[in-house]
């Protein structure tokens, strides 16, 4: 499986956030080397704090597969999942999560917490990190730089 190929698609998904002023995070779910769902942050667009890229992708994948468990899938995300998304990943039993950039403020895949591989939970996730990290980090830094500039002008 070409991790870089799928992460590039997740990054394209993240760039869809430009239109809604959402933090540019994208996620895709792959099953048998095929993308079965995609998501990008829509918190601002939907006025919904739970409209994270990973949750949108998980919900779409569950609807498509008609099962509550995605135990034969891989989730690709452009940012380390937050605690809410990590909890959903564990509950949906996704076995592998591949992410680009670490989130030192809210990451739940090893940075701040490690919900994805917590010994007391009934499911543990294999974590692959740092795939196209520079591209994802640059996208996030550019977004926050533009946001600061915009807020300074107001």
Protein backbone atom coordinates (compact mmCIF):
# COMPACT_ATOMS: atom_id res chain seq x y z
CA UNK A 1 0.00 0.00 0.00
CA UNK A 2 1.34 3.41 -0.96
CA UNK A 3 0.89 5.54 2.16
CA UNK A 4 2.09 8.70 0.42
CA UNK A 5 -0.47 8.29 -2.37
CA UNK A 6 -3.39 8.04 0.05
CA UNK A 7 -2.07 10.87 2.25
CA UNK A 8 -1.90 13.14 -0.80
CA UNK A 9 -5.61 12.47 -1.31
CA UNK A 10 -6.28 13.31 2.36
CA UNK A 11 -4.35 16.56 1.86
CA UNK A 12 -6.53 17.40 -1.17
CA UNK A 13 -9.54 16.82 1.05
CA UNK A 14 -8.08 19.20 3.65
CA UNK A 15 -7.74 21.93 1.04
CA UNK A 16 -11.53 21.91 0.59
CA UNK A 17 -11.67 23.78 3.91
CA UNK A 18 -10.51 26.97 2.16
CA UNK A 19 -14.07 27.82 1.20
CA UNK A 20 -15.48 27.50 4.74
CA UNK A 21 -12.62 28.93 6.82
CA UNK A 22 -12.35 25.65 8.69
CA UNK A 23 -9.00 24.38 9.95
CA UNK A 24 -7.62 22.45 6.94
CA UNK A 25 -7.74 18.84 8.05
CA UNK A 26 -8.70 16.00 5.74
CA UNK A 27 -9.34 12.32 6.28
CA UNK A 28 -10.03 9.31 4.11
CA UNK A 29 -10.84 5.70 4.89
CA UNK A 30 -9.37 2.95 2.76
CA UNK A 31 -10.64 -0.62 2.51
CA UNK A 32 -8.92 -3.19 0.28
CA UNK A 33 -6.76 -0.44 -1.27
CA UNK A 34 -9.86 1.57 -2.28
CA UNK A 35 -11.11 4.81 -0.79
CA UNK A 36 -14.56 4.24 0.67
CA UNK A 37 -15.07 7.62 2.34
CA UNK A 38 -13.67 11.11 2.65
CA UNK A 39 -14.10 13.96 5.07
CA UNK A 40 -12.79 17.41 5.80
CA UNK A 41 -13.36 19.70 8.75
CA UNK A 42 -16.76 21.40 8.66
CA UNK A 43 -16.95 22.81 12.18
CA UNK A 44 -17.32 26.42 10.99
CA UNK A 45 -19.45 25.56 7.99
CA UNK A 46 -21.96 23.51 9.98
CA UNK A 47 -21.61 25.32 13.31
CA UNK A 48 -20.94 21.88 14.79
CA UNK A 49 -17.96 21.20 17.07
CA UNK A 50 -18.17 17.48 16.22
CA UNK A 51 -17.86 17.97 12.44
CA UNK A 52 -14.22 16.87 12.34
CA UNK A 53 -12.76 15.29 9.21
CA UNK A 54 -12.25 11.91 10.86
CA UNK A 55 -15.79 11.69 12.24
CA UNK A 56 -17.30 12.63 8.90
CA UNK A 57 -15.18 9.98 7.14
CA UNK A 58 -16.08 7.33 9.76
CA UNK A 59 -19.81 8.08 9.50
CA UNK A 60 -19.72 7.86 5.69
CA UNK A 61 -17.72 4.60 5.80
CA UNK A 62 -20.15 3.02 8.26
CA UNK A 63 -23.09 3.98 6.06
CA UNK A 64 -21.34 2.57 3.01
CA UNK A 65 -20.28 -0.72 4.63
CA UNK A 66 -23.50 -1.07 6.65
CA UNK A 67 -21.57 -2.20 9.72
CA UNK A 68 -20.59 -0.51 12.96
CA UNK A 69 -17.04 -1.85 12.83
CA UNK A 70 -14.43 -0.82 10.29
CA UNK A 71 -11.98 -3.53 11.33
CA UNK A 72 -10.62 -4.03 7.82
CA UNK A 73 -10.00 -0.34 7.08
CA UNK A 74 -7.21 2.21 7.41
CA UNK A 75 -7.89 5.83 8.33
CA UNK A 76 -5.59 8.50 6.88
CA UNK A 77 -5.67 11.94 8.50
CA UNK A 78 -3.59 15.02 7.87
CA UNK A 79 -3.38 15.72 11.62
CA UNK A 80 -3.05 13.51 14.68
CA UNK A 81 -6.58 12.77 15.89
CA UNK A 82 -8.01 14.70 18.84
CA UNK A 83 -9.48 12.83 21.85
CA UNK A 84 -13.01 12.87 20.37
CA UNK A 85 -11.87 11.45 17.03
CA UNK A 86 -9.52 8.95 18.70
CA UNK A 87 -12.44 7.68 20.77
CA UNK A 88 -14.54 7.21 17.63
CA UNK A 89 -11.65 5.41 15.92
CA UNK A 90 -11.34 2.99 18.86
CA UNK A 91 -15.11 2.43 19.04
CA UNK A 92 -15.33 1.75 15.30
CA UNK A 93 -12.36 -0.65 15.65
CA UNK A 94 -10.27 0.81 12.88
CA UNK A 95 -6.99 -1.16 13.17
CA UNK A 96 -4.56 1.34 11.59
CA UNK A 97 -4.38 5.13 11.61
CA UNK A 98 -1.90 6.95 9.42
CA UNK A 99 -1.45 10.66 10.11
CA UNK A 100 0.79 13.43 8.85
CA UNK A 101 1.44 16.05 11.49
CA UNK A 102 1.54 15.73 15.25
CA UNK A 103 -0.77 17.92 17.32
CA UNK A 104 1.22 18.96 20.43
CA UNK A 105 -1.81 20.78 21.89
CA UNK A 106 -4.61 18.22 21.49
CA UNK A 107 -3.21 15.05 19.93
CA UNK A 108 -4.56 11.73 21.19
CA UNK A 109 -2.27 9.47 19.18
CA UNK A 110 0.83 9.95 21.32
CA UNK A 111 1.46 13.70 21.61
CA UNK A 112 -0.69 14.69 24.59
CA UNK A 113 -2.62 11.46 25.17
CA UNK A 114 -2.59 8.08 23.55
CA UNK A 115 -6.19 6.96 23.36
CA UNK A 116 -5.43 5.02 20.18
CA UNK A 117 -3.10 2.63 22.00
CA UNK A 118 -4.34 2.77 25.59
CA UNK A 119 -3.83 -0.48 27.53
CA UNK A 120 -7.16 -0.24 29.37
CA UNK A 121 -9.31 0.04 26.26
CA UNK A 122 -10.72 -2.99 24.46
CA UNK A 123 -9.21 -2.03 21.08
CA UNK A 124 -5.77 -0.76 20.21
CA UNK A 125 -4.82 0.98 17.00
CA UNK A 126 -1.54 0.72 15.13
CA UNK A 127 -0.25 4.25 14.52
CA UNK A 128 1.86 5.33 11.55
CA UNK A 129 2.89 8.97 11.80
CA UNK A 130 4.81 11.60 9.90
CA UNK A 131 3.64 10.71 6.38
CA UNK A 132 3.89 13.96 4.35
CA UNK A 133 4.25 15.79 7.65
CA UNK A 134 5.92 18.83 6.11
CA UNK A 135 3.10 19.41 3.60
CA UNK A 136 0.41 19.05 6.25
CA UNK A 137 2.24 21.29 8.72
CA UNK A 138 2.74 23.94 6.05
CA UNK A 139 -0.97 23.88 5.19
CA UNK A 140 -1.89 24.38 8.86
CA UNK A 141 0.73 27.09 9.47
CA UNK A 142 -0.41 29.02 6.38
CA UNK A 143 -4.03 28.78 7.52
CA UNK A 144 -3.30 30.14 11.00
CA UNK A 145 -1.03 32.85 9.62
CA UNK A 146 -3.81 34.06 7.30
CA UNK A 147 -6.31 33.90 10.17
CA UNK A 148 -4.06 36.02 12.43
CA UNK A 149 -3.56 38.57 9.63
CA UNK A 150 -7.31 38.71 9.01
CA UNK A 151 -8.05 39.18 12.72
CA UNK A 152 -5.44 41.94 13.02
CA UNK A 153 -7.11 43.84 10.18
CA UNK A 154 -10.49 43.81 11.92
